[in-house]
PDB file of N, CA and C in Angstrom:
ATOM      1  N   MET A   1      -3.474  11.924  -8.927  1.00  0.00           N
ATOM      2  CA  MET A   1      -3.278  10.486  -9.374  1.00  0.00           C
ATOM      3  C   MET A   1      -2.310  10.075  -9.112  1.00  0.00           C
ATOM      4  N   SER A   2      -2.345   8.769  -8.354  1.00  0.00           N
ATOM      5  CA  SER A   2      -1.174   8.448  -8.205  1.00  0.00           C
ATOM      6  C   SER A   2      -0.548   7.668  -9.346  1.00  0.00           C
ATOM      7  N   LYS A   3       0.945   7.628  -9.121  1.00  0.00           N
ATOM      8  CA  LYS A   3       1.671   7.248 -10.657  1.00  0.00           C
ATOM      9  C   LYS A   3       2.414   5.695 -10.154  1.00  0.00           C
ATOM     10  N   ARG A   4       2.517   5.059 -11.005  1.00  0.00           N
ATOM     11  CA  ARG A   4       2.648   3.764 -10.648  1.00  0.00           C
ATOM     12  C   ARG A   4       3.887   3.069 -11.767  1.00  0.00           C
ATOM     13  N   GLU A   5       4.922   2.322 -11.096  1.00  0.00           N
ATOM     14  CA  GLU A   5       5.888   2.094 -11.960  1.00  0.00           C
ATOM     15  C   GLU A   5       5.959   0.609 -11.580  1.00  0.00           C
ATOM     16  N   ASP A   6       5.641  -0.622 -12.669  1.00  0.00           N
ATOM     17  CA  ASP A   6       5.339  -1.935 -12.275  1.00  0.00           C
ATOM     18  C   ASP A   6       7.264  -2.124 -12.307  1.00  0.00           C
ATOM     19  N   LEU A   7       8.120  -2.976 -11.225  1.00  0.00           N
ATOM     20  CA  LEU A   7       9.281  -3.320 -11.469  1.00  0.00           C
ATOM     21  C   LEU A   7       9.480  -4.782 -12.179  1.00  0.00           C
ATOM     22  N   ILE A   8       8.556  -5.148 -11.521  1.00  0.00           N
ATOM     23  CA  ILE A   8       8.755  -7.148 -11.723  1.00  0.00           C
ATOM     24  C   ILE A   8       7.007  -7.043 -11.464  1.00  0.00           C
ATOM     25  N   SER A   9       6.781  -8.144 -12.314  1.00  0.00           N
ATOM     26  CA  SER A   9       5.363  -8.540 -12.130  1.00  0.00           C
ATOM     27  C   SER A   9       5.076 -10.068 -13.048  1.00  0.00           C
ATOM     28  N   SER A  10       5.015 -10.884 -12.402  1.00  0.00           N
ATOM     29  CA  SER A  10       5.188 -12.459 -12.514  1.00  0.00           C
ATOM     30  C   SER A  10       3.458 -13.124 -11.907  1.00  0.00           C
ATOM     31  N   LYS A  11       3.383 -14.096 -12.110  1.00  0.00           N
ATOM     32  CA  LYS A  11       2.182 -15.045 -11.693  1.00  0.00           C
ATOM     33  C   LYS A  11       1.960 -14.912  -9.622  1.00  0.00           C
ATOM     34  N   ASN A  12       3.399 -15.115  -9.406  1.00  0.00           N
ATOM     35  CA  ASN A  12       3.334 -14.768  -7.715  1.00  0.00           C
ATOM     36  C   ASN A  12       3.909 -13.994  -7.042  1.00  0.00           C
ATOM     37  N   ALA A  13       4.241 -12.881  -7.753  1.00  0.00           N
ATOM     38  CA  ALA A  13       5.096 -11.832  -7.202  1.00  0.00           C
ATOM     39  C   ALA A  13       5.118 -10.343  -8.390  1.00  0.00           C
ATOM     40  N   ARG A  14       4.801  -9.272  -7.579  1.00  0.00           N
ATOM     41  CA  ARG A  14       4.610  -8.121  -8.199  1.00  0.00           C
ATOM     42  C   ARG A  14       5.259  -7.021  -7.110  1.00  0.00           C
ATOM     43  N   VAL A  15       6.373  -6.310  -8.453  1.00  0.00           N
ATOM     44  CA  VAL A  15       7.193  -5.117  -7.266  1.00  0.00           C
ATOM     45  C   VAL A  15       7.190  -3.942  -7.669  1.00  0.00           C
ATOM     46  N   ALA A  16       6.591  -3.067  -7.556  1.00  0.00           N
ATOM     47  CA  ALA A  16       5.981  -1.337  -7.722  1.00  0.00           C
ATOM     48  C   ALA A  16       6.385  -0.447  -6.655  1.00  0.00           C
ATOM     49  N   SER A  17       6.655   0.612  -7.456  1.00  0.00           N
ATOM     50  CA  SER A  17       6.973   2.086  -6.904  1.00  0.00           C
ATOM     51  C   SER A  17       5.917   2.797  -7.065  1.00  0.00           C
ATOM     52  N   ILE A  18       5.274   3.320  -6.210  1.00  0.00           N
ATOM     53  CA  ILE A  18       4.039   4.251  -6.165  1.00  0.00           C
ATOM     54  C   ILE A  18       3.991   5.541  -5.678  1.00  0.00           C
ATOM     55  N   VAL A  19       3.933   6.545  -6.311  1.00  0.00           N
ATOM     56  CA  VAL A  19       3.663   7.857  -6.152  1.00  0.00           C
ATOM     57  C   VAL A  19       2.255   8.064  -5.394  1.00  0.00           C
ATOM     58  N   LEU A  20       2.122   8.751  -4.536  1.00  0.00           N
ATOM     59  CA  LEU A  20       0.655   9.235  -4.365  1.00  0.00           C
ATOM     60  C   LEU A  20       0.981  10.648  -3.946  1.00  0.00           C
ATOM     61  N   GLU A  21       0.003  11.729  -4.566  1.00  0.00           N
ATOM     62  CA  GLU A  21       0.048  13.004  -4.315  1.00  0.00           C
ATOM     63  C   GLU A  21      -0.934  13.479  -3.200  1.00  0.00           C
ATOM     64  N   ALA A  22      -0.021  14.647  -2.544  1.00  0.00           N
ATOM     65  CA  ALA A  22      -0.303  15.153  -1.417  1.00  0.00           C
ATOM     66  C   ALA A  22      -1.945  15.191  -1.346  1.00  0.00           C
ATOM     67  N   GLY A  23      -2.024  14.641  -0.067  1.00  0.00           N
ATOM     68  CA  GLY A  23      -3.644  14.084   0.426  1.00  0.00           C
ATOM     69  C   GLY A  23      -4.671  13.044  -0.342  1.00  0.00           C
ATOM     70  N   GLU A  24      -3.491  12.127  -1.391  1.00  0.00           N
ATOM     71  CA  GLU A  24      -4.168  11.384  -1.595  1.00  0.00           C
ATOM     72  C   GLU A  24      -4.555   9.894  -1.271  1.00  0.00           C
ATOM     73  N   ALA A  25      -5.354   9.323  -1.408  1.00  0.00           N
ATOM     74  CA  ALA A  25      -5.418   7.563  -0.898  1.00  0.00           C
ATOM     75  C   ALA A  25      -5.936   6.841  -1.322  1.00  0.00           C
ATOM     76  N   SER A  26      -5.001   5.877  -1.687  1.00  0.00           N
ATOM     77  CA  SER A  26      -5.665   4.366  -2.321  1.00  0.00           C
ATOM     78  C   SER A  26      -6.841   4.239  -1.577  1.00  0.00           C
ATOM     79  N   PRO A  27      -7.647   3.208  -2.960  1.00  0.00           N
ATOM     80  CA  PRO A  27      -9.075   2.793  -2.329  1.00  0.00           C
ATOM     81  C   PRO A  27      -8.997   1.601  -1.715  1.00  0.00           C
ATOM     82  N   TRP A  28      -9.871   1.754  -0.133  1.00  0.00           N
ATOM     83  CA  TRP A  28      -9.890   0.510   0.537  1.00  0.00           C
ATOM     84  C   TRP A  28     -10.408  -0.754  -0.092  1.00  0.00           C
ATOM     85  N   HIS A  29      -9.336  -1.695  -0.098  1.00  0.00           N
ATOM     86  CA  HIS A  29      -9.450  -3.116  -0.025  1.00  0.00           C
ATOM     87  C   HIS A  29      -8.459  -4.072   0.411  1.00  0.00           C
ATOM     88  N   HIS A  30      -8.725  -5.087   0.060  1.00  0.00           N
ATOM     89  CA  HIS A  30      -7.970  -6.484   0.360  1.00  0.00           C
ATOM     90  C   HIS A  30      -7.580  -7.686  -0.187  1.00  0.00           C
ATOM     91  N   HIS A  31      -6.890  -8.203   0.035  1.00  0.00           N
ATOM     92  CA  HIS A  31      -6.456  -9.536  -1.083  1.00  0.00           C
ATOM     93  C   HIS A  31      -6.638 -10.664  -0.222  1.00  0.00           C
ATOM     94  N   THR A  32      -7.346 -11.703  -1.549  1.00  0.00           N
ATOM     95  CA  THR A  32      -7.378 -13.175  -0.446  1.00  0.00           C
ATOM     96  C   THR A  32      -5.858 -13.758  -0.330  1.00  0.00           C
ATOM     97  N   ALA A  33      -5.008 -13.716  -1.065  1.00  0.00           N
ATOM     98  CA  ALA A  33      -3.961 -15.014  -1.079  1.00  0.00           C
ATOM     99  C   ALA A  33      -2.690 -13.819  -0.833  1.00  0.00           C
ATOM    100  N   VAL A  34      -2.658 -12.562  -1.362  1.00  0.00           N
ATOM    101  CA  VAL A  34      -1.353 -11.694  -1.040  1.00  0.00           C
ATOM    102  C   VAL A  34      -0.822 -11.091  -0.204  1.00  0.00           C
ATOM    103  N   ILE A  35       0.216 -11.293   0.475  1.00  0.00           N
ATOM    104  CA  ILE A  35       0.956 -10.598   1.142  1.00  0.00           C
ATOM    105  C   ILE A  35       1.492  -9.475   0.820  1.00  0.00           C
ATOM    106  N   GLU A  36       1.437  -8.416   1.407  1.00  0.00           N
ATOM    107  CA  GLU A  36       1.872  -7.192   0.910  1.00  0.00           C
ATOM    108  C   GLU A  36       3.310  -6.464   1.658  1.00  0.00           C
ATOM    109  N   HIS A  37       4.455  -6.450   1.273  1.00  0.00           N
ATOM    110  CA  HIS A  37       5.285  -5.084   2.082  1.00  0.00           C
ATOM    111  C   HIS A  37       5.308  -4.354   1.535  1.00  0.00           C
ATOM    112  N   ILE A  38       5.124  -3.079   2.160  1.00  0.00           N
ATOM    113  CA  ILE A  38       5.166  -1.501   1.994  1.00  0.00           C
ATOM    114  C   ILE A  38       6.061  -1.243   2.771  1.00  0.00           C
ATOM    115  N   ILE A  39       7.062  -0.500   1.866  1.00  0.00           N
ATOM    116  CA  ILE A  39       8.341   0.424   2.678  1.00  0.00           C
ATOM    117  C   ILE A  39       8.103   1.872   1.858  1.00  0.00           C
ATOM    118  N   CYS A  40       7.823   2.818   3.140  1.00  0.00           N
ATOM    119  CA  CYS A  40       7.733   4.101   2.528  1.00  0.00           C
ATOM    120  C   CYS A  40       9.410   4.787   2.446  1.00  0.00           C
ATOM    121  N   LEU A  41       9.549   5.354   0.973  1.00  0.00           N
ATOM    122  CA  LEU A  41      10.731   5.711   0.362  1.00  0.00           C
ATOM    123  C   LEU A  41      11.121   7.151   0.517  1.00  0.00           C
ATOM    124  N   ASN A  42       9.718   8.024   0.454  1.00  0.00           N
ATOM    125  CA  ASN A  42       9.700   9.390   1.146  1.00  0.00           C
ATOM    126  C   ASN A  42       8.643   9.961   1.142  1.00  0.00           C
ATOM    127  N   GLY A  43       8.323  10.975   2.042  1.00  0.00           N
ATOM    128  CA  GLY A  43       7.313  11.588   2.474  1.00  0.00           C
ATOM    129  C   GLY A  43       6.323  10.858   3.411  1.00  0.00           C
ATOM    130  N   SER A  44       5.279  11.190   3.733  1.00  0.00           N
ATOM    131  CA  SER A  44       4.266  10.980   5.212  1.00  0.00           C
ATOM    132  C   SER A  44       3.267  10.586   4.574  1.00  0.00           C
ATOM    133  N   ILE A  45       3.437   8.970   4.785  1.00  0.00           N
ATOM    134  CA  ILE A  45       2.305   7.964   4.144  1.00  0.00           C
ATOM    135  C   ILE A  45       1.776   7.259   5.878  1.00  0.00           C
ATOM    136  N   GLU A  46       0.161   7.029   5.703  1.00  0.00           N
ATOM    137  CA  GLU A  46      -0.304   6.307   6.720  1.00  0.00           C
ATOM    138  C   GLU A  46      -0.625   5.191   6.247  1.00  0.00           C
ATOM    139  N   LEU A  47      -0.330   3.900   6.707  1.00  0.00           N
ATOM    140  CA  LEU A  47      -1.098   2.522   6.540  1.00  0.00           C
ATOM    141  C   LEU A  47      -2.608   2.775   7.337  1.00  0.00           C
ATOM    142  N   GLN A  48      -3.307   2.348   6.827  1.00  0.00           N
ATOM    143  CA  GLN A  48      -4.962   2.658   7.940  1.00  0.00           C
ATOM    144  C   GLN A  48      -5.077   0.921   7.309  1.00  0.00           C
ATOM    145  N   THR A  49      -5.943   0.447   8.543  1.00  0.00           N
ATOM    146  CA  THR A  49      -6.933  -0.510   8.207  1.00  0.00           C
ATOM    147  C   THR A  49      -7.532  -0.742   8.886  1.00  0.00           C
ATOM    148  N   ASN A  50      -8.801  -2.044   9.060  1.00  0.00           N
ATOM    149  CA  ASN A  50      -9.875  -2.047   8.908  1.00  0.00           C
ATOM    150  C   ASN A  50      -9.877  -3.364  10.162  1.00  0.00           C
ATOM    151  N   LYS A  51     -10.900  -3.662  11.437  1.00  0.00           N
ATOM    152  CA  LYS A  51     -10.857  -4.717  11.962  1.00  0.00           C
ATOM    153  C   LYS A  51      -9.815  -5.567  12.448  1.00  0.00           C
ATOM    154  N   PRO A  52      -9.201  -5.277  13.210  1.00  0.00           N
ATOM    155  CA  PRO A  52      -9.365  -3.928  13.913  1.00  0.00           C
ATOM    156  C   PRO A  52      -8.573  -2.670  13.242  1.00  0.00           C
ATOM    157  N   THR A  53      -8.931  -1.284  13.373  1.00  0.00           N
ATOM    158  CA  THR A  53      -9.321  -0.260  13.030  1.00  0.00           C
ATOM    159  C   THR A  53      -7.831   0.128  14.107  1.00  0.00           C
ATOM    160  N   THR A  54      -6.631   0.935  12.682  1.00  0.00           N
ATOM    161  CA  THR A  54      -5.269   1.057  13.010  1.00  0.00           C
ATOM    162  C   THR A  54      -4.880   1.870  12.227  1.00  0.00           C
ATOM    163  N   ASN A  55      -4.061   3.273  12.331  1.00  0.00           N
ATOM    164  CA  ASN A  55      -3.902   4.209  12.073  1.00  0.00           C
ATOM    165  C   ASN A  55      -2.254   4.305  12.127  1.00  0.00           C
ATOM    166  N   THR A  56      -1.114   3.613  11.113  1.00  0.00           N
ATOM    167  CA  THR A  56       0.186   3.550  11.429  1.00  0.00           C
ATOM    168  C   THR A  56       1.095   4.675  10.379  1.00  0.00           C
ATOM    169  N   LYS A  57       1.555   5.514  11.317  1.00  0.00           N
ATOM    170  CA  LYS A  57       2.584   6.529  10.349  1.00  0.00           C
ATOM    171  C   LYS A  57       3.775   5.997   9.870  1.00  0.00           C
ATOM    172  N   LEU A  58       4.194   5.311   8.649  1.00  0.00           N
ATOM    173  CA  LEU A  58       4.988   4.732   7.911  1.00  0.00           C
ATOM    174  C   LEU A  58       6.318   5.899   8.349  1.00  0.00           C
ATOM    175  N   GLN A  59       7.318   4.795   8.855  1.00  0.00           N
ATOM    176  CA  GLN A  59       8.804   5.320   9.131  1.00  0.00           C
ATOM    177  C   GLN A  59       9.412   5.299   8.012  1.00  0.00           C
ATOM    178  N   LEU A  60      10.583   6.103   7.011  1.00  0.00           N
ATOM    179  CA  LEU A  60      11.119   6.052   6.121  1.00  0.00           C
ATOM    180  C   LEU A  60      12.317   4.111   5.973  1.00  0.00           C
ATOM    181  N   THR A  61      12.071   3.779   5.111  1.00  0.00           N
ATOM    182  CA  THR A  61      12.807   2.586   4.929  1.00  0.00           C
ATOM    183  C   THR A  61      11.943   1.291   5.764  1.00  0.00           C
ATOM    184  N   LYS A  62      11.564   1.570   6.688  1.00  0.00           N
ATOM    185  CA  LYS A  62      11.095   0.278   7.492  1.00  0.00           C
ATOM    186  C   LYS A  62       9.896  -0.318   6.843  1.00  0.00           C
ATOM    187  N   ARG A  63       9.824  -1.503   6.893  1.00  0.00           N
ATOM    188  CA  ARG A  63       8.704  -2.558   5.794  1.00  0.00           C
ATOM    189  C   ARG A  63       7.711  -2.982   6.752  1.00  0.00           C
ATOM    190  N   TYR A  64       6.505  -2.992   6.336  1.00  0.00           N
ATOM    191  CA  TYR A  64       5.097  -2.802   7.000  1.00  0.00           C
ATOM    192  C   TYR A  64       4.611  -4.168   6.210  1.00  0.00           C
ATOM    193  N   VAL A  65       4.250  -5.319   7.044  1.00  0.00           N
ATOM    194  CA  VAL A  65       3.306  -6.138   6.244  1.00  0.00           C
ATOM    195  C   VAL A  65       2.126  -6.436   6.183  1.00  0.00           C
ATOM    196  N   ILE A  66       1.158  -6.584   5.911  1.00  0.00           N
ATOM    197  CA  ILE A  66      -0.205  -6.604   5.322  1.00  0.00           C
ATOM    198  C   ILE A  66      -0.712  -8.202   4.706  1.00  0.00           C
ATOM    199  N   SER A  67      -0.981  -8.805   5.722  1.00  0.00           N
ATOM    200  CA  SER A  67      -1.526 -10.056   5.780  1.00  0.00           C
ATOM    201  C   SER A  67      -2.983 -10.142   4.796  1.00  0.00           C
ATOM    202  N   PRO A  68      -2.556 -11.071   3.942  1.00  0.00           N
ATOM    203  CA  PRO A  68      -4.077 -11.429   3.281  1.00  0.00           C
ATOM    204  C   PRO A  68      -5.226 -11.304   4.165  1.00  0.00           C
ATOM    205  N   MET A  69      -6.741 -11.321   3.560  1.00  0.00           N
ATOM    206  CA  MET A  69      -7.752 -10.775   3.679  1.00  0.00           C
ATOM    207  C   MET A  69      -7.660  -9.272   4.827  1.00  0.00           C
ATOM    208  N   ARG A  70      -6.952  -8.485   4.720  1.00  0.00           N
ATOM    209  CA  ARG A  70      -6.816  -7.268   5.946  1.00  0.00           C
ATOM    210  C   ARG A  70      -7.048  -6.366   4.786  1.00  0.00           C
ATOM    211  N   GLU A  71      -8.447  -5.803   5.474  1.00  0.00           N
ATOM    212  CA  GLU A  71      -8.549  -4.458   4.824  1.00  0.00           C
ATOM    213  C   GLU A  71      -7.499  -3.478   5.003  1.00  0.00           C
ATOM    214  N   HIS A  72      -7.351  -2.549   3.887  1.00  0.00           N
ATOM    215  CA  HIS A  72      -6.458  -1.305   4.152  1.00  0.00           C
ATOM    216  C   HIS A  72      -6.432  -0.290   3.291  1.00  0.00           C
ATOM    217  N   ARG A  73      -5.852   0.668   3.678  1.00  0.00           N
ATOM    218  CA  ARG A  73      -5.430   2.281   2.411  1.00  0.00           C
ATOM    219  C   ARG A  73      -4.344   2.185   2.955  1.00  0.00           C
ATOM    220  N   LEU A  74      -3.675   3.122   1.683  1.00  0.00           N
ATOM    221  CA  LEU A  74      -2.503   4.317   2.155  1.00  0.00           C
ATOM    222  C   LEU A  74      -2.750   5.375   1.975  1.00  0.00           C
ATOM    223  N   VAL A  75      -2.410   6.413   2.909  1.00  0.00           N
ATOM    224  CA  VAL A  75      -2.542   7.738   2.555  1.00  0.00           C
ATOM    225  C   VAL A  75      -1.591   8.846   2.702  1.00  0.00           C
ATOM    226  N   ASN A  76      -1.710   9.291   1.593  1.00  0.00           N
ATOM    227  CA  ASN A  76      -0.268  10.300   1.847  1.00  0.00           C
ATOM    228  C   ASN A  76      -0.857  11.844   2.752  1.00  0.00           C
ATOM    229  N   THR A  77      -0.257  11.615   3.836  1.00  0.00           N
ATOM    230  CA  THR A  77      -1.147  12.810   4.792  1.00  0.00           C
ATOM    231  C   THR A  77      -0.171  14.122   4.596  1.00  0.00           C
ATOM    232  N   GLY A  78       0.664  13.998   3.817  1.00  0.00           N
ATOM    233  CA  GLY A  78       1.606  15.446   3.589  1.00  0.00           C
ATOM    234  C   GLY A  78       1.221  16.163   2.800  1.00  0.00           C
ATOM    235  N   GLU A  79       1.849  17.443   2.098  1.00  0.00           N
ATOM    236  CA  GLU A  79       1.720  18.397   1.532  1.00  0.00           C
ATOM    237  C   GLU A  79       2.581  17.943   0.450  1.00  0.00           C
ATOM    238  N   SER A  80       3.389  17.070   0.213  1.00  0.00           N
ATOM    239  CA  SER A  80       4.071  17.144  -0.823  1.00  0.00           C
ATOM    240  C   SER A  80       3.690  15.880  -1.166  1.00  0.00           C
ATOM    241  N   ASN A  81       4.403  15.023  -2.460  1.00  0.00           N
ATOM    242  CA  ASN A  81       3.869  13.650  -2.880  1.00  0.00           C
ATOM    243  C   ASN A  81       5.416  12.705  -2.023  1.00  0.00           C
ATOM    244  N   ALA A  82       4.384  11.748  -2.227  1.00  0.00           N
ATOM    245  CA  ALA A  82       5.117  10.557  -1.141  1.00  0.00           C
ATOM    246  C   ALA A  82       5.171   9.232  -2.094  1.00  0.00           C
ATOM    247  N   THR A  83       5.974   8.736  -1.956  1.00  0.00           N
ATOM    248  CA  THR A  83       6.920   7.701  -2.828  1.00  0.00           C
ATOM    249  C   THR A  83       6.600   5.801  -1.528  1.00  0.00           C
ATOM    250  N   TYR A  84       6.072   4.844  -2.498  1.00  0.00           N
ATOM    251  CA  TYR A  84       6.472   3.706  -1.185  1.00  0.00           C
ATOM    252  C   TYR A  84       6.948   2.620  -2.365  1.00  0.00           C
ATOM    253  N   LEU A  85       7.717   1.681  -1.854  1.00  0.00           N
ATOM    254  CA  LEU A  85       7.611   0.333  -2.684  1.00  0.00           C
ATOM    255  C   LEU A  85       6.798  -0.736  -1.944  1.00  0.00           C
ATOM    256  N   LEU A  86       6.381  -1.092  -2.749  1.00  0.00           N
ATOM    257  CA  LEU A  86       5.088  -2.040  -2.578  1.00  0.00           C
ATOM    258  C   LEU A  86       5.488  -3.502  -3.043  1.00  0.00           C
ATOM    259  N   VAL A  87       5.763  -4.383  -2.549  1.00  0.00           N
ATOM    260  CA  VAL A  87       5.970  -6.284  -3.021  1.00  0.00           C
ATOM    261  C   VAL A  87       4.941  -6.774  -2.097  1.00  0.00           C
ATOM    262  N   GLN A  88       4.736  -7.461  -3.503  1.00  0.00           N
ATOM    263  CA  GLN A  88       3.492  -8.336  -3.349  1.00  0.00           C
ATOM    264  C   GLN A  88       3.405 -10.153  -3.479  1.00  0.00           C
ATOM    265  N   ASN A  89       3.535 -10.773  -2.598  1.00  0.00           N
ATOM    266  CA  ASN A  89       3.633 -12.336  -2.903  1.00  0.00           C
ATOM    267  C   ASN A  89       2.499 -13.210  -2.574  1.00  0.00           C
ATOM    268  N   GLY A  90       2.394 -14.181  -3.746  1.00  0.00           N
ATOM    269  CA  GLY A  90       0.796 -14.644  -3.614  1.00  0.00           C
ATOM    270  C   GLY A  90       0.242 -14.071  -5.123  1.00  0.00           C
ATOM    271  N   LYS A  91      -0.374 -14.804  -5.263  1.00  0.00           N
ATOM    272  CA  LYS A  91      -1.686 -14.688  -6.582  1.00  0.00           C
ATOM    273  C   LYS A  91      -2.142 -13.499  -6.419  1.00  0.00           C
ATOM    274  N   TYR A  92      -2.342 -12.867  -7.090  1.00  0.00           N
ATOM    275  CA  TYR A  92      -2.966 -11.124  -6.817  1.00  0.00           C
ATOM    276  C   TYR A  92      -4.177 -11.047  -7.460  1.00  0.00           C
ATOM    277  N   ASP A  93      -5.021 -10.752  -6.434  1.00  0.00           N
ATOM    278  CA  ASP A  93      -6.382 -10.191  -6.622  1.00  0.00           C
ATOM    279  C   ASP A  93      -6.444  -8.816  -6.232  1.00  0.00           C
ATOM    280  N   PHE A  94      -7.658  -8.212  -6.140  1.00  0.00           N
ATOM    281  CA  PHE A  94      -7.695  -7.054  -5.675  1.00  0.00           C
ATOM    282  C   PHE A  94      -9.485  -6.893  -5.363  1.00  0.00           C
ATOM    283  N   ILE A  95      -9.632  -6.548  -4.149  1.00  0.00           N
ATOM    284  CA  ILE A  95     -11.343  -6.604  -4.036  1.00  0.00           C
ATOM    285  C   ILE A  95     -11.235  -5.401  -3.230  1.00  0.00           C
ATOM    286  N   SER A  96     -11.824  -4.325  -3.845  1.00  0.00           N
ATOM    287  CA  SER A  96     -12.353  -2.900  -3.712  1.00  0.00           C
ATOM    288  C   SER A  96     -13.399  -3.501  -2.172  1.00  0.00           C
ATOM    289  N   SER A  97     -13.090  -2.451  -1.323  1.00  0.00           N
ATOM    290  CA  SER A  97     -14.284  -2.091  -0.340  1.00  0.00           C
ATOM    291  C   SER A  97     -14.898  -1.157  -0.088  1.00  0.00           C
ATOM    292  N   ASN A  98     -16.268  -0.930   0.673  1.00  0.00           N
ATOM    293  CA  ASN A  98     -16.518   0.271   0.992  1.00  0.00           C
ATOM    294  C   ASN A  98     -16.484   0.961   2.159  1.00  0.00           C
ATOM    295  N   SER A  99     -15.347   0.819   2.875  1.00  0.00           N
ATOM    296  CA  SER A  99     -15.061   1.229   4.123  1.00  0.00           C
ATOM    297  C   SER A  99     -15.073   2.819   3.949  1.00  0.00           C
TER     298      SER A  99
END
């Protein structure tokens, strides 16, 4: 099960360090007004999106931006734990998807 450490949490911004175990995936979801910035800190993480479908292997320390309403999830494709930094800007919500 993923381990989350919230570093900053306010009305319009959240920053967290998240560890995914080997093979673990976050649930498919989207946000209505949140822009997410994802930075891979270690391990092998894939960003998957729908409509259109994309699978992007995250490069270490490179930032990836997910726009509001974009359905997505993060998957640890490696054999050991992987960590990413999550920076969210905007009024937070989490809408689960069935993808």
